[in-house]
């Protein structure tokens, strides 16, 4: 097996083109090293374009090689995309968070990957570049081909970064999960919300939960129900009930029953909506 650390984008694309199916991109490797490794690994953990955290023209650019620990420690991300930093803080253990990356969390394609759920709720888009130089931008949900199956071919294409609209003074976000223990456990359920408020009412809502389908799942019906509703406890209770009705979940003998998971999703939906709304009001100076 060969291991190459690449220092610029041209090196990555050239290596992918020349090595073909025998090569694979790696950054933290916390999931990849649990699998059978390919013959050649391309390490992008030092690639500047994949390490960026910056705001540009009202848009957040977040590199795919940014680790969970670095995301949690970023004051800019905490201010602009709070749901993401909350999600990253819940991933694995300190050792995993120090190595694992946002891009890896998405490409591993686990249905309830915490960072992926938060990114989907924030409306993030993924920027990918093929070894030919062609680029494409897709929704987070489009990167899933099935349960634990990515739509990205890491032998041909690089997930470079995520693009997220920055939170304005009338918006807020939040993430929550429940697992069998506080660390080193996959969530029984998780949820993330982004919303925008005006005149003490909800104007826009994005609500994502997991595990429901192979990808983080938006609750469009529940979102529609919430638009125009006041920021009161009754709205959160109704949203929790609507979310429970909207999802179709599976049970597991090892984790929890379908009924319990559906109940958890309702509880978490109510929590993240209330928290996100409170943050939106605080940002507007109305809390």
Protein backbone atom coordinates (compact mmCIF):
# COMPACT_ATOMS: atom_id res chain seq x y z
CA UNK A 1 0.00 0.00 0.00
CA UNK A 2 1.24 3.51 -0.80
CA UNK A 3 0.35 6.66 1.10
CA UNK A 4 0.76 10.09 -0.51
CA UNK A 5 0.25 13.41 1.26
CA UNK A 6 -0.89 15.95 -1.33
CA UNK A 7 -0.24 19.64 -0.81
CA UNK A 8 -2.23 21.27 -3.60
CA UNK A 9 -5.35 20.68 -5.66
CA UNK A 10 -3.46 19.99 -8.87
CA UNK A 11 -1.64 17.11 -7.17
CA UNK A 12 -4.91 15.59 -6.00
CA UNK A 13 -6.57 15.71 -9.41
CA UNK A 14 -3.48 14.41 -11.19
CA UNK A 15 -3.12 11.52 -8.75
CA UNK A 16 -6.79 10.56 -9.11
CA UNK A 17 -6.53 10.67 -12.90
CA UNK A 18 -3.39 8.55 -13.06
CA UNK A 19 -4.16 6.04 -10.33
CA UNK A 20 -7.83 5.43 -11.10
CA UNK A 21 -9.75 2.82 -9.14
CA UNK A 22 -6.75 1.79 -7.05
CA UNK A 23 -6.62 5.13 -5.23
CA UNK A 24 -8.81 6.64 -2.52
CA UNK A 25 -8.93 10.04 -0.85
CA UNK A 26 -8.37 10.11 2.90
CA UNK A 27 -8.34 12.86 5.53
CA UNK A 28 -9.01 11.75 9.12
CA UNK A 29 -9.58 8.11 8.22
CA UNK A 30 -11.58 7.29 11.36
CA UNK A 31 -14.09 5.31 9.30
CA UNK A 32 -11.95 4.33 6.34
CA UNK A 33 -9.40 2.50 8.48
CA UNK A 34 -12.17 0.17 9.65
CA UNK A 35 -12.57 -1.05 6.08
CA UNK A 36 -10.34 -2.96 3.70
CA UNK A 37 -7.93 -0.30 2.49
CA UNK A 38 -7.24 0.32 -1.20
CA UNK A 39 -3.74 0.05 -2.66
CA UNK A 40 -3.12 3.80 -2.74
CA UNK A 41 -4.27 6.53 -0.36
CA UNK A 42 -4.23 10.27 -1.07
CA UNK A 43 -4.11 12.29 2.15
CA UNK A 44 -5.77 15.73 1.77
CA UNK A 45 -5.54 16.71 5.44
CA UNK A 46 -3.06 19.48 4.55
CA UNK A 47 -4.89 20.72 1.45
CA UNK A 48 -5.48 24.45 1.99
CA UNK A 49 -8.61 24.58 -0.17
CA UNK A 50 -10.21 21.87 1.99
CA UNK A 51 -9.29 23.51 5.32
CA UNK A 52 -10.93 26.89 4.85
CA UNK A 53 -13.35 28.41 7.38
CA UNK A 54 -14.38 31.85 6.23
CA UNK A 55 -17.32 34.10 5.46
CA UNK A 56 -17.47 35.58 2.00
CA UNK A 57 -20.31 37.80 0.85
CA UNK A 58 -22.89 36.43 3.26
CA UNK A 59 -21.82 32.84 2.61
CA UNK A 60 -19.88 30.49 4.86
CA UNK A 61 -17.20 28.38 3.18
CA UNK A 62 -16.27 25.32 5.23
CA UNK A 63 -13.61 22.93 3.98
CA UNK A 64 -14.36 19.22 3.81
CA UNK A 65 -11.11 18.44 5.67
CA UNK A 66 -12.05 20.62 8.66
CA UNK A 67 -12.11 18.37 11.72
CA UNK A 68 -15.00 18.22 14.15
CA UNK A 69 -12.78 19.60 16.91
CA UNK A 70 -11.73 22.57 14.79
CA UNK A 71 -15.35 23.27 13.87
CA UNK A 72 -16.35 23.25 17.54
CA UNK A 73 -13.49 25.64 18.40
CA UNK A 74 -14.35 28.14 15.64
CA UNK A 75 -15.99 31.34 16.99
CA UNK A 76 -17.18 32.17 13.46
CA UNK A 77 -19.00 28.85 13.03
CA UNK A 78 -20.47 29.08 16.54
CA UNK A 79 -21.90 32.48 15.67
CA UNK A 80 -23.09 31.78 12.14
CA UNK A 81 -23.99 28.05 12.04
CA UNK A 82 -24.54 27.03 15.65
CA UNK A 83 -26.30 23.78 14.78
CA UNK A 84 -23.14 22.54 13.08
CA UNK A 85 -20.86 23.20 16.05
CA UNK A 86 -23.38 21.54 18.36
CA UNK A 87 -23.48 18.48 16.11
CA UNK A 88 -19.70 18.26 15.78
CA UNK A 89 -19.35 18.39 19.57
CA UNK A 90 -21.41 15.18 19.81
CA UNK A 91 -19.37 13.10 17.37
CA UNK A 92 -17.47 10.14 18.84
CA UNK A 93 -14.75 10.83 21.38
CA UNK A 94 -12.14 13.61 21.63
CA UNK A 95 -9.74 11.44 19.65
CA UNK A 96 -12.31 10.93 16.87
CA UNK A 97 -13.22 14.62 16.82
CA UNK A 98 -9.55 15.58 16.52
CA UNK A 99 -9.12 13.43 13.40
CA UNK A 100 -12.57 12.99 11.86
CA UNK A 101 -13.65 15.53 9.26
CA UNK A 102 -16.89 17.07 8.07
CA UNK A 103 -16.37 15.64 4.61
CA UNK A 104 -15.76 12.18 5.98
CA UNK A 105 -18.91 12.42 8.09
CA UNK A 106 -20.92 12.97 4.92
CA UNK A 107 -19.08 10.58 2.58
CA UNK A 108 -19.30 7.72 5.09
CA UNK A 109 -23.06 8.02 4.45
CA UNK A 110 -24.30 6.87 7.85
CA UNK A 111 -28.03 7.74 7.98
CA UNK A 112 -27.77 9.60 11.31
CA UNK A 113 -24.31 11.20 11.01
CA UNK A 114 -24.55 14.22 13.29
CA UNK A 115 -22.66 16.80 11.21
CA UNK A 116 -24.47 15.74 8.04
CA UNK A 117 -27.87 16.25 9.70
CA UNK A 118 -26.87 19.74 10.82
CA UNK A 119 -25.46 20.65 7.41
CA UNK A 120 -28.69 19.53 5.72
CA UNK A 121 -30.80 21.65 8.08
CA UNK A 122 -28.58 24.65 7.39
CA UNK A 123 -29.20 24.23 3.67
CA UNK A 124 -25.55 23.47 2.96
CA UNK A 125 -24.40 22.54 -0.52
CA UNK A 126 -21.37 20.41 -1.31
CA UNK A 127 -18.82 21.52 -3.90
CA UNK A 128 -17.16 18.60 -5.72
CA UNK A 129 -14.43 18.52 -8.31
CA UNK A 130 -13.73 15.65 -10.74
CA UNK A 131 -10.19 14.77 -11.77
CA UNK A 132 -11.06 16.17 -15.20
CA UNK A 133 -11.48 19.59 -13.57
CA UNK A 134 -15.28 19.65 -13.89
CA UNK A 135 -17.07 20.88 -10.78
CA UNK A 136 -20.59 20.45 -9.46
CA UNK A 137 -22.58 21.72 -6.48
CA UNK A 138 -25.23 19.49 -4.92
CA UNK A 139 -27.51 19.34 -1.89
CA UNK A 140 -26.26 17.26 1.04
CA UNK A 141 -29.13 14.80 0.65
CA UNK A 142 -28.07 14.07 -2.95
CA UNK A 143 -24.75 12.60 -1.74
CA UNK A 144 -26.45 9.44 -0.44
CA UNK A 145 -27.01 6.43 -2.71
CA UNK A 146 -28.42 4.16 0.00
CA UNK A 147 -27.86 3.09 3.61
CA UNK A 148 -24.15 3.61 4.31
CA UNK A 149 -23.57 4.04 0.57
CA UNK A 150 -22.19 7.31 -0.81
CA UNK A 151 -23.03 8.72 -4.22
CA UNK A 152 -19.49 10.11 -4.38
CA UNK A 153 -16.81 8.01 -6.06
CA UNK A 154 -13.72 8.98 -4.07
CA UNK A 155 -11.52 7.34 -6.71
CA UNK A 156 -12.57 10.03 -9.21
CA UNK A 157 -14.00 12.98 -7.35
CA UNK A 158 -13.03 15.19 -4.42
CA UNK A 159 -15.49 16.72 -1.98
CA UNK A 160 -13.77 20.06 -1.54
CA UNK A 161 -15.98 22.15 0.74
CA UNK A 162 -19.45 23.05 1.95
CA UNK A 163 -21.24 26.30 1.18
CA UNK A 164 -23.76 27.59 3.73
CA UNK A 165 -25.69 30.84 3.88
CA UNK A 166 -24.63 32.83 6.93
CA UNK A 167 -27.21 33.38 9.64
CA UNK A 168 -28.64 36.89 9.63
CA UNK A 169 -30.04 38.80 12.58
CA UNK A 170 -33.43 37.12 12.26
CA UNK A 171 -32.38 33.50 12.03
CA UNK A 172 -31.17 30.76 14.35
CA UNK A 173 -30.32 27.08 14.33
CA UNK A 174 -29.99 24.20 16.77
CA UNK A 175 -29.09 20.49 16.93
CA UNK A 176 -30.01 17.77 19.43
CA UNK A 177 -29.57 14.01 19.69
CA UNK A 178 -30.27 11.17 22.06
CA UNK A 179 -28.07 8.09 22.39
CA UNK A 180 -27.66 5.24 24.83
CA UNK A 181 -24.76 7.13 26.43
CA UNK A 182 -23.18 10.57 26.12
CA UNK A 183 -20.21 9.59 23.99
CA UNK A 184 -19.02 6.88 21.60
CA UNK A 185 -22.57 5.89 20.71
CA UNK A 186 -24.60 6.30 17.55
CA UNK A 187 -27.77 8.34 18.10
CA UNK A 188 -31.11 6.65 18.55
CA UNK A 189 -32.45 9.81 16.92
CA UNK A 190 -31.20 13.28 16.11
CA UNK A 191 -32.70 16.48 14.77
CA UNK A 192 -31.58 19.89 13.54
CA UNK A 193 -33.49 23.05 12.70
CA UNK A 194 -32.83 26.35 11.00
CA UNK A 195 -35.47 29.07 11.03
CA UNK A 196 -36.03 32.73 10.36
CA UNK A 197 -38.39 34.87 12.43
CA UNK A 198 -40.11 38.17 11.84
CA UNK A 199 -42.62 39.98 14.03
CA UNK A 200 -42.42 37.09 16.52
CA UNK A 201 -43.61 34.57 13.90
CA UNK A 202 -41.88 31.89 11.87
CA UNK A 203 -41.19 32.96 8.29
CA UNK A 204 -38.97 30.11 7.08
CA UNK A 205 -38.17 26.70 8.55
CA UNK A 206 -35.85 23.85 7.63
CA UNK A 207 -36.21 20.78 9.80
CA UNK A 208 -34.11 17.62 9.40
CA UNK A 209 -34.24 14.37 11.38
CA UNK A 210 -32.51 10.97 11.31
CA UNK A 211 -32.34 8.02 11.08
CA UNK A 212 -35.44 7.82 8.91
CA UNK A 213 -34.20 7.26 5.36
CA UNK A 214 -30.70 6.59 4.00
CA UNK A 215 -30.03 10.34 3.98
CA UNK A 216 -30.81 13.06 6.52
CA UNK A 217 -34.55 13.61 6.07
CA UNK A 218 -36.33 16.94 5.75
CA UNK A 219 -39.83 17.14 7.20
CA UNK A 220 -41.52 19.25 4.55
CA UNK A 221 -45.06 18.80 5.88
CA UNK A 222 -44.07 19.86 9.37
CA UNK A 223 -42.15 22.83 7.99
CA UNK A 224 -45.23 24.00 6.07
CA UNK A 225 -47.35 23.71 9.19
CA UNK A 226 -44.99 26.00 11.09
CA UNK A 227 -44.72 28.88 8.63
CA UNK A 228 -46.61 31.86 10.02
CA UNK A 229 -46.99 30.34 13.48
CA UNK A 230 -46.13 32.38 16.60
CA UNK A 231 -43.11 31.55 18.73
CA UNK A 232 -45.02 29.91 21.55
CA UNK A 233 -44.93 26.54 23.30
CA UNK A 234 -48.08 25.37 21.52
CA UNK A 235 -46.35 25.72 18.15
CA UNK A 236 -43.51 23.45 19.30
CA UNK A 237 -45.95 20.87 20.67
CA UNK A 238 -47.89 20.80 17.41
CA UNK A 239 -44.66 20.50 15.43
CA UNK A 240 -43.57 17.56 17.57
CA UNK A 241 -46.85 15.78 16.88
CA UNK A 242 -46.69 16.56 13.16
CA UNK A 243 -43.12 15.24 12.95
CA UNK A 244 -44.15 11.97 14.61
CA UNK A 245 -46.94 11.58 12.07
CA UNK A 246 -44.71 12.43 9.11
CA UNK A 247 -41.79 10.07 9.71
CA UNK A 248 -41.68 6.39 8.85
CA UNK A 249 -39.01 4.82 11.02
CA UNK A 250 -37.56 1.38 11.56
CA UNK A 251 -37.01 -0.34 14.87
CA UNK A 252 -33.98 -2.37 15.92
CA UNK A 253 -33.51 -5.09 18.51
CA UNK A 254 -30.08 -3.63 19.25
CA UNK A 255 -31.09 0.02 19.56
CA UNK A 256 -34.79 0.83 20.03
CA UNK A 257 -38.28 0.10 18.76
CA UNK A 258 -39.88 2.06 15.93
CA UNK A 259 -42.47 3.54 18.31
CA UNK A 260 -39.79 4.76 20.70
CA UNK A 261 -37.73 6.28 17.90
CA UNK A 262 -40.81 8.06 16.55
CA UNK A 263 -41.46 9.47 20.03
CA UNK A 264 -37.84 10.61 20.33
CA UNK A 265 -38.01 12.41 17.00
CA UNK A 266 -41.05 14.32 18.19
CA UNK A 267 -39.32 15.32 21.42
CA UNK A 268 -36.14 16.42 19.65
CA UNK A 269 -38.05 18.38 17.01
CA UNK A 270 -39.77 20.40 19.72
CA UNK A 271 -36.45 21.06 21.45
CA UNK A 272 -34.48 22.22 18.42
CA UNK A 273 -37.28 24.48 17.20
CA UNK A 274 -37.64 26.19 20.57
CA UNK A 275 -33.88 26.61 20.93
CA UNK A 276 -33.40 27.91 17.38
CA UNK A 277 -36.26 30.37 17.81
CA UNK A 278 -34.73 31.66 21.04
CA UNK A 279 -31.41 32.21 19.29
CA UNK A 280 -33.10 34.03 16.43
CA UNK A 281 -34.78 36.40 18.88
CA UNK A 282 -31.52 36.94 20.75
CA UNK A 283 -29.76 37.77 17.48
CA UNK A 284 -32.47 40.37 16.76
CA UNK A 285 -32.17 41.77 20.28
CA UNK A 286 -35.77 40.81 21.09
CA UNK A 287 -35.19 38.02 23.62
